C-alpha atoms as a PDB file:
ATOM      1  CA  MET A   1     216.810 -11.766  61.543  1.00  0.00           C
ATOM      2  CA  ALA A   2     214.013 -11.724  63.890  1.00  0.00           C
ATOM      3  CA  VAL A   3     212.938 -15.135  64.975  1.00  0.00           C
ATOM      4  CA  ALA A   4     209.791 -15.946  66.354  1.00  0.00           C
ATOM      5  CA  SER A   5     206.654 -18.287  66.451  1.00  0.00           C
ATOM      6  CA  HIS A   6     204.063 -17.023  64.604  1.00  0.00           C
ATOM      7  CA  ASP A   7     203.485 -13.936  62.249  1.00  0.00           C
ATOM      8  CA  LYS A   8     202.272 -11.297  65.085  1.00  0.00           C
ATOM      9  CA  ALA A   9     205.005 -12.208  67.265  1.00  0.00           C
ATOM     10  CA  ILE A  10     207.437 -11.439  64.559  1.00  0.00           C
ATOM     11  CA  ILE A  11     205.953  -8.240  63.636  1.00  0.00           C
ATOM     12  CA  GLU A  12     206.240  -7.399  66.777  1.00  0.00           C
ATOM     13  CA  LEU A  13     209.881  -8.300  67.413  1.00  0.00           C
ATOM     14  CA  TYR A  14     210.851  -6.386  63.818  1.00  0.00           C
ATOM     15  CA  ASP A  15     209.168  -3.655  64.879  1.00  0.00           C
ATOM     16  CA  ALA A  16     211.080  -3.030  68.017  1.00  0.00           C
ATOM     17  CA  ILE A  17     214.331  -3.556  66.312  1.00  0.00           C
ATOM     18  CA  LYS A  18     213.459  -1.551  63.353  1.00  0.00           C
ATOM     19  CA  LEU A  19     212.722   1.205  65.939  1.00  0.00           C
ATOM     20  CA  ILE A  20     216.170   0.794  67.630  1.00  0.00           C
ATOM     21  CA  LEU A  21     218.258   0.068  64.305  1.00  0.00           C
ATOM     22  CA  GLY A  22     216.515   2.119  61.835  1.00  0.00           C
ATOM     23  CA  ASP A  23     218.380   1.900  58.096  1.00  0.00           C
ATOM     24  CA  VAL A  24     221.674   0.944  59.953  1.00  0.00           C
ATOM     25  CA  CYS A  25     221.384  -2.462  58.501  1.00  0.00           C
ATOM     26  CA  THR A  26     218.920  -5.228  57.211  1.00  0.00           C
ATOM     27  CA  ILE A  27     216.349  -6.645  59.437  1.00  0.00           C
ATOM     28  CA  GLY A  28     214.672 -10.020  57.930  1.00  0.00           C
ATOM     29  CA  THR A  29     212.034 -12.026  59.635  1.00  0.00           C
ATOM     30  CA  ILE A  30     211.431 -16.120  60.151  1.00  0.00           C
ATOM     31  CA  LEU A  31     209.559 -18.299  61.844  1.00  0.00           C
ATOM     32  CA  THR A  32     211.170 -20.199  64.355  1.00  0.00           C
ATOM     33  CA  LYS A  33     210.308 -23.774  63.018  1.00  0.00           C
ATOM     34  CA  ASP A  34     211.929 -22.432  59.380  1.00  0.00           C
ATOM     35  CA  VAL A  35     215.557 -22.027  60.650  1.00  0.00           C
ATOM     36  CA  LYS A  36     217.383 -24.788  59.543  1.00  0.00           C
ATOM     37  CA  ASP A  37     220.732 -23.718  60.083  1.00  0.00           C
ATOM     38  CA  ASP A  38     222.845 -20.058  60.681  1.00  0.00           C
ATOM     39  CA  SER A  39     223.702 -19.243  56.793  1.00  0.00           C
ATOM     40  CA  GLN A  40     220.882 -17.043  56.595  1.00  0.00           C
ATOM     41  CA  ALA A  41     221.839 -14.347  58.775  1.00  0.00           C
ATOM     42  CA  GLU A  42     225.050 -12.883  60.977  1.00  0.00           C
ATOM     43  CA  LEU A  43     222.658 -12.486  63.916  1.00  0.00           C
ATOM     44  CA  TYR A  44     219.389 -13.680  64.996  1.00  0.00           C
ATOM     45  CA  VAL A  45     217.458 -12.178  67.752  1.00  0.00           C
ATOM     46  CA  CYS A  46     214.784 -13.736  69.458  1.00  0.00           C
ATOM     47  CA  GLY A  47     212.145 -14.225  72.596  1.00  0.00           C
ATOM     48  CA  ILE A  48     212.998 -16.294  75.672  1.00  0.00           C
ATOM     49  CA  THR A  49     210.583 -19.014  74.423  1.00  0.00           C
ATOM     50  CA  GLN A  50     212.446 -19.372  71.147  1.00  0.00           C
ATOM     51  CA  LEU A  51     216.076 -19.672  72.718  1.00  0.00           C
ATOM     52  CA  ASP A  52     216.034 -23.029  73.198  1.00  0.00           C
ATOM     53  CA  GLN A  53     214.841 -24.190  70.293  1.00  0.00           C
ATOM     54  CA  LEU A  54     216.706 -21.810  67.839  1.00  0.00           C
ATOM     55  CA  ALA A  55     220.297 -22.717  69.915  1.00  0.00           C
ATOM     56  CA  GLN A  56     219.851 -26.218  68.610  1.00  0.00           C
ATOM     57  CA  VAL A  57     220.140 -25.320  64.843  1.00  0.00           C
ATOM     58  CA  VAL A  58     222.198 -21.598  65.704  1.00  0.00           C
ATOM     59  CA  PRO A  59     225.389 -20.931  67.458  1.00  0.00           C
ATOM     60  CA  ARG A  60     224.873 -19.250  70.791  1.00  0.00           C
ATOM     61  CA  GLU A  61     227.450 -16.490  69.966  1.00  0.00           C
ATOM     62  CA  LYS A  62     224.804 -15.618  66.962  1.00  0.00           C
ATOM     63  CA  ILE A  63     222.014 -15.287  69.167  1.00  0.00           C
ATOM     64  CA  ILE A  64     220.723 -12.190  71.187  1.00  0.00           C
ATOM     65  CA  LEU A  65     217.956 -12.890  73.648  1.00  0.00           C
ATOM     66  CA  PHE A  66     215.854  -9.766  73.195  1.00  0.00           C
ATOM     67  CA  LYS A  67     213.175  -9.267  76.047  1.00  0.00           C
ATOM     68  CA  LEU A  68     210.373  -6.991  75.181  1.00  0.00           C
ATOM     69  CA  ARG A  69     208.601  -5.093  78.040  1.00  0.00           C
ATOM     70  CA  PHE A  70     205.024  -3.911  78.451  1.00  0.00           C
ATOM     71  CA  THR A  71     205.143  -0.133  78.919  1.00  0.00           C
ATOM     72  CA  SER A  72     204.019   1.235  82.249  1.00  0.00           C
ATOM     73  CA  GLN A  73     200.516   2.560  81.072  1.00  0.00           C
ATOM     74  CA  PHE A  74     199.531  -1.174  80.771  1.00  0.00           C
ATOM     75  CA  PHE A  75     200.510  -1.423  84.441  1.00  0.00           C
ATOM     76  CA  ILE A  76     198.659   1.379  85.589  1.00  0.00           C
ATOM     77  CA  GLN A  77     195.349   0.424  83.770  1.00  0.00           C
ATOM     78  CA  VAL A  78     195.424  -3.085  85.336  1.00  0.00           C
ATOM     79  CA  ALA A  79     196.332  -1.835  88.324  1.00  0.00           C
ATOM     80  CA  ARG A  80     193.060  -0.041  88.640  1.00  0.00           C
ATOM     81  CA  ILE A  81     191.067  -2.674  88.098  1.00  0.00           C
ATOM     82  CA  PRO A  82     189.246  -3.520  91.452  1.00  0.00           C
ATOM     83  CA  ALA A  83     190.304  -5.588  94.102  1.00  0.00           C
ATOM     84  CA  GLY A  84     189.371  -9.387  94.072  1.00  0.00           C
ATOM     85  CA  GLU A  85     188.039  -9.393  90.343  1.00  0.00           C
ATOM     86  CA  ASP A  86     189.248 -12.059  88.167  1.00  0.00           C
ATOM     87  CA  VAL A  87     191.569 -11.074  85.248  1.00  0.00           C
ATOM     88  CA  TYR A  88     192.519 -13.503  82.506  1.00  0.00           C
ATOM     89  CA  ILE A  89     195.720 -13.598  80.745  1.00  0.00           C
ATOM     90  CA  LEU A  90     195.447 -14.527  76.880  1.00  0.00           C
ATOM     91  CA  ASN A  91     198.466 -15.886  75.173  1.00  0.00           C
ATOM     92  CA  THR A  92     199.721 -18.821  73.452  1.00  0.00           C
ATOM     93  CA  ASN A  93     202.552 -19.354  75.812  1.00  0.00           C
ATOM     94  CA  MET A  94     202.239 -20.296  79.482  1.00  0.00           C
ATOM     95  CA  MET A  95     205.827 -19.332  80.312  1.00  0.00           C
ATOM     96  CA  LEU A  96     205.251 -15.768  79.276  1.00  0.00           C
ATOM     97  CA  ILE A  97     201.695 -15.393  81.419  1.00  0.00           C
ATOM     98  CA  LYS A  98     203.799 -16.422  84.184  1.00  0.00           C
ATOM     99  CA  ARG A  99     206.322 -13.888  83.798  1.00  0.00           C
ATOM    100  CA  LEU A 100     203.458 -11.365  83.466  1.00  0.00           C
ATOM    101  CA  ILE A 101     201.802 -12.697  86.504  1.00  0.00           C
ATOM    102  CA  GLN A 102     205.166 -12.287  88.639  1.00  0.00           C
ATOM    103  CA  SER A 103     205.804  -8.665  87.354  1.00  0.00           C
ATOM    104  CA  PHE A 104     202.226  -7.584  88.467  1.00  0.00           C
ATOM    105  CA  SER A 105     203.303  -8.970  92.069  1.00  0.00           C
ATOM    106  CA  ASN A 106     206.521  -7.198  91.538  1.00  0.00           C
ATOM    107  CA  LEU A 107     204.842  -4.266  91.220  1.00  0.00           C
ATOM    108  CA  GLY A 108     202.810  -4.675  94.528  1.00  0.00           C
ATOM    109  CA  ILE A 109     199.502  -5.565  91.930  1.00  0.00           C
ATOM    110  CA  LYS A 110     198.282  -8.767  94.302  1.00  0.00           C
ATOM    111  CA  GLU A 111     194.859  -7.904  94.915  1.00  0.00           C
ATOM    112  CA  ILE A 112     193.562  -8.906  91.585  1.00  0.00           C
ATOM    113  CA  ASN A 113     192.884 -13.019  90.617  1.00  0.00           C
ATOM    114  CA  PHE A 114     195.450 -13.519  87.551  1.00  0.00           C
ATOM    115  CA  LEU A 115     194.058 -16.538  85.479  1.00  0.00           C
ATOM    116  CA  PRO A 116     195.955 -17.958  82.261  1.00  0.00           C
ATOM    117  CA  ILE A 117     194.561 -18.598  79.156  1.00  0.00           C
ATOM    118  CA  ALA A 118     197.411 -20.299  77.661  1.00  0.00           C
ATOM    119  CA  THR A 119     196.097 -21.206  74.100  1.00  0.00           C
ATOM    120  CA  GLU A 120     199.226 -23.883  73.321  1.00  0.00           C
ATOM    121  CA  ALA A 121     198.808 -25.740  76.922  1.00  0.00           C
ATOM    122  CA  ILE A 122     195.317 -26.407  77.134  1.00  0.00           C
ATOM    123  CA  SER A 123     192.374 -27.913  74.899  1.00  0.00           C
ATOM    124  CA  GLU A 124     189.763 -25.521  72.754  1.00  0.00           C
ATOM    125  CA  ASN A 125     187.091 -26.349  75.377  1.00  0.00           C
ATOM    126  CA  GLU A 126     188.803 -24.926  78.342  1.00  0.00           C
ATOM    127  CA  VAL A 127     190.107 -21.838  76.316  1.00  0.00           C
ATOM    128  CA  ILE A 128     186.532 -21.439  75.067  1.00  0.00           C
ATOM    129  CA  GLU A 129     184.998 -22.018  79.188  1.00  0.00           C
ATOM    130  CA  ARG A 130     187.816 -19.531  80.566  1.00  0.00           C
ATOM    131  CA  LEU A 131     186.918 -16.907  77.624  1.00  0.00           C
ATOM    132  CA  GLN A 132     183.268 -17.247  78.669  1.00  0.00           C
ATOM    133  CA  LYS A 133     183.974 -16.546  81.889  1.00  0.00           C
ATOM    134  CA  ALA A 134     186.292 -13.453  81.657  1.00  0.00           C
ATOM    135  CA  LYS A 135     184.945 -10.088  82.756  1.00  0.00           C
ATOM    136  CA  TYR A 136     188.371  -8.881  82.095  1.00  0.00           C
ATOM    137  CA  LEU A 137     190.888  -9.911  79.216  1.00  0.00           C
ATOM    138  CA  ILE A 138     194.611  -8.601  79.128  1.00  0.00           C
ATOM    139  CA  GLY A 139     197.346  -9.214  77.050  1.00  0.00           C
ATOM    140  CA  ILE A 140     199.745  -8.188  74.114  1.00  0.00           C
ATOM    141  CA  GLU A 141     197.479  -5.634  72.269  1.00  0.00           C
ATOM    142  CA  ASP A 142     198.297  -6.638  68.438  1.00  0.00           C
ATOM    143  CA  PHE A 143     197.636 -10.577  69.907  1.00  0.00           C
ATOM    144  CA  LEU A 144     194.337  -9.580  71.585  1.00  0.00           C
ATOM    145  CA  GLU A 145     193.447  -7.979  68.634  1.00  0.00           C
ATOM    146  CA  MET A 146     194.237 -10.985  66.513  1.00  0.00           C
ATOM    147  CA  MET A 147     192.272 -13.481  68.455  1.00  0.00           C
ATOM    148  CA  ILE A 148     189.066 -11.184  68.970  1.00  0.00           C
ATOM    149  CA  THR A 149     188.864 -10.260  65.544  1.00  0.00           C
ATOM    150  CA  PRO A 150     184.904 -11.368  64.462  1.00  0.00           C
ATOM    151  CA  ASN A 151     186.256 -13.953  62.095  1.00  0.00           C
ATOM    152  CA  MET A 152     188.636 -15.940  64.692  1.00  0.00           C
ATOM    153  CA  GLN A 153     187.368 -19.111  66.114  1.00  0.00           C
ATOM    154  CA  TYR A 154     186.953 -17.699  69.369  1.00  0.00           C
ATOM    155  CA  ALA A 155     185.749 -14.293  69.205  1.00  0.00           C
ATOM    156  CA  LYS A 156     182.131 -15.363  69.468  1.00  0.00           C
ATOM    157  CA  TYR A 157     182.617 -16.652  73.041  1.00  0.00           C
ATOM    158  CA  ILE A 158     183.592 -13.597  74.160  1.00  0.00           C
ATOM    159  CA  ASN A 159     181.246 -11.924  76.352  1.00  0.00           C
ATOM    160  CA  LYS A 160     180.110  -8.540  74.813  1.00  0.00           C
ATOM    161  CA  ASN A 161     180.520  -6.597  77.854  1.00  0.00           C
ATOM    162  CA  ILE A 162     184.322  -7.614  78.830  1.00  0.00           C
ATOM    163  CA  LYS A 163     186.708  -5.118  79.418  1.00  0.00           C
ATOM    164  CA  ILE A 164     189.958  -5.530  77.604  1.00  0.00           C
ATOM    165  CA  ILE A 165     193.252  -4.049  78.137  1.00  0.00           C
ATOM    166  CA  GLY A 166     195.905  -4.773  75.498  1.00  0.00           C
ATOM    167  CA  GLY A 167     199.628  -3.444  76.071  1.00  0.00           C
ATOM    168  CA  LYS A 168     202.196  -2.539  73.861  1.00  0.00           C
ATOM    169  CA  ARG A 169     205.559  -3.436  74.637  1.00  0.00           C
ATOM    170  CA  VAL A 170     209.076  -1.933  73.394  1.00  0.00           C
ATOM    171  CA  ALA A 171     212.589  -3.315  73.888  1.00  0.00           C
ATOM    172  CA  SER A 172     213.958  -3.111  77.468  1.00  0.00           C
ATOM    173  CA  MET A 173     216.987  -1.040  77.692  1.00  0.00           C
ATOM    174  CA  GLU A 174     219.179  -3.903  78.404  1.00  0.00           C
ATOM    175  CA  SER A 175     218.024  -5.891  74.897  1.00  0.00           C
ATOM    176  CA  ALA A 176     218.358  -2.446  73.039  1.00  0.00           C
ATOM    177  CA  CYS A 177     222.155  -1.867  74.578  1.00  0.00           C
ATOM    178  CA  ARG A 178     223.400  -4.825  73.593  1.00  0.00           C
ATOM    179  CA  LEU A 179     221.942  -5.250  70.045  1.00  0.00           C
ATOM    180  CA  ILE A 180     223.219  -1.787  69.233  1.00  0.00           C
ATOM    181  CA  GLN A 181     226.755  -2.642  70.974  1.00  0.00           C
ATOM    182  CA  TRP A 182     226.757  -5.985  68.346  1.00  0.00           C
ATOM    183  CA  VAL A 183     225.934  -4.083  65.461  1.00  0.00           C
ATOM    184  CA  ALA A 184     228.234  -1.604  66.295  1.00  0.00           C
ATOM    185  CA  GLU A 185     231.250  -3.666  66.572  1.00  0.00           C
ATOM    186  CA  ALA A 186     230.340  -5.961  63.818  1.00  0.00           C
ATOM    187  CA  LEU A 187     230.334  -2.659  61.334  1.00  0.00           C
ATOM    188  CA  ASN A 188     233.925  -1.732  62.827  1.00  0.00           C
ATOM    189  CA  LYS A 189     235.410  -4.955  62.271  1.00  0.00           C
ATOM    190  CA  VAL A 190     234.226  -5.418  58.853  1.00  0.00           C
ATOM    191  CA  ALA A 191     235.975  -2.057  58.198  1.00  0.00           C
ATOM    192  CA  ALA A 192     238.712  -2.664  59.960  1.00  0.00           C
ATOM    193  CA  GLU A 193     239.793  -6.239  58.434  1.00  0.00           C
ATOM    194  CA  ARG A 194     238.789  -4.462  55.138  1.00  0.00           C
ATOM    195  CA  VAL A 195     241.458  -1.658  55.614  1.00  0.00           C
ATOM    196  CA  ALA A 196     244.247  -3.937  57.078  1.00  0.00           C
ATOM    197  CA  THR A 197     243.878  -6.135  53.607  1.00  0.00           C
ATOM    198  CA  VAL A 198     244.437  -3.171  51.391  1.00  0.00           C
ATOM    199  CA  ALA A 199     246.934  -1.871  53.899  1.00  0.00           C
ATOM    200  CA  ASN A 200     249.217  -4.638  53.759  1.00  0.00           C
ATOM    201  CA  LYS A 201     248.980  -4.677  49.606  1.00  0.00           C
ATOM    202  CA  LEU A 202     249.842  -0.880  49.585  1.00  0.00           C
ATOM    203  CA  ASN A 203     252.987  -1.600  52.166  1.00  0.00           C
ATOM    204  CA  SER A 204     254.415  -4.046  49.339  1.00  0.00           C
ATOM    205  CA  SER A 205     253.846  -2.235  46.842  1.00  0.00           C
ATOM    206  CA  PRO A 206     255.961   0.819  45.264  1.00  0.00           C
ATOM    207  CA  THR A 207     252.772   2.293  43.478  1.00  0.00           C
ATOM    208  CA  ILE A 208     251.805   4.598  46.856  1.00  0.00           C
ATOM    209  CA  ALA A 209     255.329   6.317  47.001  1.00  0.00           C
ATOM    210  CA  GLN A 210     254.704   7.411  43.285  1.00  0.00           C
ATOM    211  CA  ASP A 211     251.153   8.608  43.326  1.00  0.00           C
ATOM    212  CA  CYS A 212     250.537  11.456  45.513  1.00  0.00           C
ATOM    213  CA  ASN A 213     246.800  11.030  45.351  1.00  0.00           C
ATOM    214  CA  LEU A 214     246.696   7.619  46.068  1.00  0.00           C
ATOM    215  CA  SER A 215     249.369   8.529  49.366  1.00  0.00           C
ATOM    216  CA  ALA A 216     247.158  11.180  50.644  1.00  0.00           C
ATOM    217  CA  THR A 217     243.881   8.931  50.537  1.00  0.00           C
ATOM    218  CA  VAL A 218     246.170   6.320  52.486  1.00  0.00           C
ATOM    219  CA  ASN A 219     247.036   9.115  55.029  1.00  0.00           C
ATOM    220  CA  HIS A 220     243.143   9.066  55.867  1.00  0.00           C
ATOM    221  CA  PHE A 221     243.040   5.464  57.486  1.00  0.00           C
ATOM    222  CA  ASP A 222     244.847   6.286  60.371  1.00  0.00           C
ATOM    223  CA  LYS A 223     242.575   9.112  61.170  1.00  0.00           C
ATOM    224  CA  ILE A 224     239.505   7.571  60.441  1.00  0.00           C
ATOM    225  CA  MET A 225     240.396   4.367  62.237  1.00  0.00           C
ATOM    226  CA  ILE A 226     241.169   6.313  65.373  1.00  0.00           C
ATOM    227  CA  GLU A 227     237.839   8.334  64.922  1.00  0.00           C
ATOM    228  CA  SER A 228     235.922   4.760  64.229  1.00  0.00           C
ATOM    229  CA  SER A 229     237.867   3.375  67.573  1.00  0.00           C
ATOM    230  CA  ASP A 230     236.772   6.605  69.843  1.00  0.00           C
ATOM    231  CA  SER A 231     233.232   6.029  68.431  1.00  0.00           C
ATOM    232  CA  LEU A 232     233.259   2.416  69.712  1.00  0.00           C
ATOM    233  CA  LEU A 233     234.288   3.655  73.092  1.00  0.00           C
ATOM    234  CA  LYS A 234     231.687   6.400  73.583  1.00  0.00           C
ATOM    235  CA  MET A 235     229.212   3.956  72.623  1.00  0.00           C
ATOM    236  CA  ARG A 236     230.089   1.688  74.879  1.00  0.00           C
ATOM    237  CA  GLU A 237     230.353   4.624  77.621  1.00  0.00           C
ATOM    238  CA  VAL A 238     226.615   5.312  76.661  1.00  0.00           C
ATOM    239  CA  ILE A 239     225.616   1.735  76.973  1.00  0.00           C
ATOM    240  CA  ILE A 240     227.253   1.683  80.185  1.00  0.00           C
ATOM    241  CA  ASN A 241     225.412   4.910  81.307  1.00  0.00           C
ATOM    242  CA  SER A 242     222.411   3.717  79.878  1.00  0.00           C
ATOM    243  CA  PHE A 243     222.647   0.392  82.033  1.00  0.00           C
ATOM    244  CA  ALA A 244     223.298   2.725  85.352  1.00  0.00           C
ATOM    245  CA  ASN A 245     220.290   4.803  84.442  1.00  0.00           C
ATOM    246  CA  GLN A 246     218.101   2.052  83.556  1.00  0.00           C
ATOM    247  CA  ILE A 247     213.967   2.725  84.853  1.00  0.00           C
ATOM    248  CA  SER A 248     213.647   0.050  87.399  1.00  0.00           C
ATOM    249  CA  THR A 249     210.263  -2.170  86.647  1.00  0.00           C
ATOM    250  CA  ASN A 250     209.372  -1.571  90.326  1.00  0.00           C
ATOM    251  CA  ILE A 251     207.690   1.675  89.400  1.00  0.00           C
ATOM    252  CA  SER A 252     205.370   2.726  91.749  1.00  0.00           C
ATOM    253  CA  ILE A 253     201.676   3.164  90.802  1.00  0.00           C
ATOM    254  CA  VAL A 254     199.519   5.563  92.310  1.00  0.00           C
ATOM    255  CA  ASP A 255     196.487   7.315  90.943  1.00  0.00           C
ATOM    256  CA  ASN A 256     196.790  10.682  89.614  1.00  0.00           C
ATOM    257  CA  ALA A 257     200.614  10.602  90.632  1.00  0.00           C
ATOM    258  CA  VAL A 258     202.219   8.468  87.651  1.00  0.00           C
ATOM    259  CA  ASN A 259     205.444   9.232  86.137  1.00  0.00           C
ATOM    260  CA  ASP A 260     205.071   7.450  82.827  1.00  0.00           C
ATOM    261  CA  SER A 261     205.663  10.637  80.728  1.00  0.00           C
ATOM    262  CA  ASP A 262     208.884  11.151  82.458  1.00  0.00           C
ATOM    263  CA  GLU A 263     209.711   7.219  82.195  1.00  0.00           C
ATOM    264  CA  VAL A 264     209.147   7.410  78.262  1.00  0.00           C
ATOM    265  CA  LYS A 265     211.125  10.300  77.868  1.00  0.00           C
ATOM    266  CA  ILE A 266     214.423   9.087  79.942  1.00  0.00           C
ATOM    267  CA  HIS A 267     213.900   5.580  77.927  1.00  0.00           C
ATOM    268  CA  ASN A 268     213.865   7.625  74.760  1.00  0.00           C
ATOM    269  CA  ASP A 269     216.820   9.887  75.561  1.00  0.00           C
ATOM    270  CA  HIS A 270     218.801   6.541  76.026  1.00  0.00           C
ATOM    271  CA  GLU A 271     217.711   5.395  72.568  1.00  0.00           C
ATOM    272  CA  ILE A 272     218.144   8.353  70.869  1.00  0.00           C
ATOM    273  CA  ALA A 273     221.821   8.816  72.369  1.00  0.00           C
ATOM    274  CA  LEU A 274     222.593   5.163  71.324  1.00  0.00           C
ATOM    275  CA  THR A 275     221.166   5.276  67.837  1.00  0.00           C
ATOM    276  CA  LYS A 276     222.936   8.692  67.088  1.00  0.00           C
ATOM    277  CA  THR A 277     226.353   6.940  67.976  1.00  0.00           C
ATOM    278  CA  LEU A 278     225.493   3.800  65.933  1.00  0.00           C
ATOM    279  CA  GLU A 279     224.788   5.836  63.226  1.00  0.00           C
ATOM    280  CA  GLN A 280     228.182   7.712  63.736  1.00  0.00           C
ATOM    281  CA  VAL A 281     230.083   4.537  63.701  1.00  0.00           C
ATOM    282  CA  LYS A 282     228.220   3.165  60.779  1.00  0.00           C
ATOM    283  CA  GLY A 283     229.261   6.222  58.716  1.00  0.00           C
ATOM    284  CA  LEU A 284     232.677   5.981  59.771  1.00  0.00           C
ATOM    285  CA  SER A 285     232.552   2.283  58.663  1.00  0.00           C
ATOM    286  CA  ASP A 286     231.302   3.219  55.152  1.00  0.00           C
ATOM    287  CA  ASN A 287     234.040   5.953  55.260  1.00  0.00           C
ATOM    288  CA  LEU A 288     236.594   3.331  55.651  1.00  0.00           C
ATOM    289  CA  LEU A 289     234.898   0.640  53.374  1.00  0.00           C
ATOM    290  CA  ASN A 290     234.668   3.316  50.554  1.00  0.00           C
ATOM    291  CA  ILE A 291     238.587   4.438  50.927  1.00  0.00           C
ATOM    292  CA  ALA A 292     239.535   0.825  50.738  1.00  0.00           C
ATOM    293  CA  ASN A 293     237.543  -0.007  47.676  1.00  0.00           C
ATOM    294  CA  LYS A 294     238.781   3.280  45.684  1.00  0.00           C
ATOM    295  CA  ILE A 295     242.411   2.297  46.948  1.00  0.00           C
ATOM    296  CA  GLY A 296     241.857  -1.286  45.618  1.00  0.00           C
ATOM    297  CA  VAL A 297     240.506  -0.019  42.028  1.00  0.00           C
ATOM    298  CA  MET A 298     243.723   2.506  42.205  1.00  0.00           C
ATOM    299  CA  LYS A 299     245.986  -0.476  42.649  1.00  0.00           C
END
């Protein structure tokens, strides 16, 4: 279940999760304020700003903290703003703004004056005053588009000559790995439990010894379980390698010498490898469940 504080944030989070998991499992969405207990999903995925509130009603072991990061292209565009300029960052949450400012500092972008417009932390008059001053406005692309749409309350206060830089965000490799490992192990656990239940029943029944078809079907259990376990080991190996080769956020930003396409390619290669392994685990788990169900019917 993707959990966020407002609709735009939920859409962004859902899209990031969907990109990683595809159709392997069902992904739902819910506003943080609407989560009353942990009965609506096996796993809840949220950002750092929602973790404390969500953890009050959902056990921490059922929550994955999902970190979204801006693509390098966004930082490159901001880095090209002339030194000394005032750049306003628009978001609902001051924590996210501070984290973004720290990211700029980590990347060596220190000659620009970053000024926050946290709509949930300051008054409407203060928001309007800062927007009217803004020559440069940056933030999450979808959120900026929503805030400056002509029919939105702040749109009329934005300078016509303003330069707006919106950035897309994708899951960090750490978040993608954590999510995929959780799903893979959950799939394997469900299949293994079902197989164990059926196997125990068969071991106490003479039926299997008298039915060649049933006997042949049961013989697939061990082989498939081994394959499934091997796939999980492979999954863990891929995840470890992904961590080891994770792209550093301390990228070098030099005009006409940006390796953004290389970063995207490496990031995509890791995600493709992870997704393929997850699909293999899903296929083996489905196979185990099908066999278990088939034997259950034959019994």
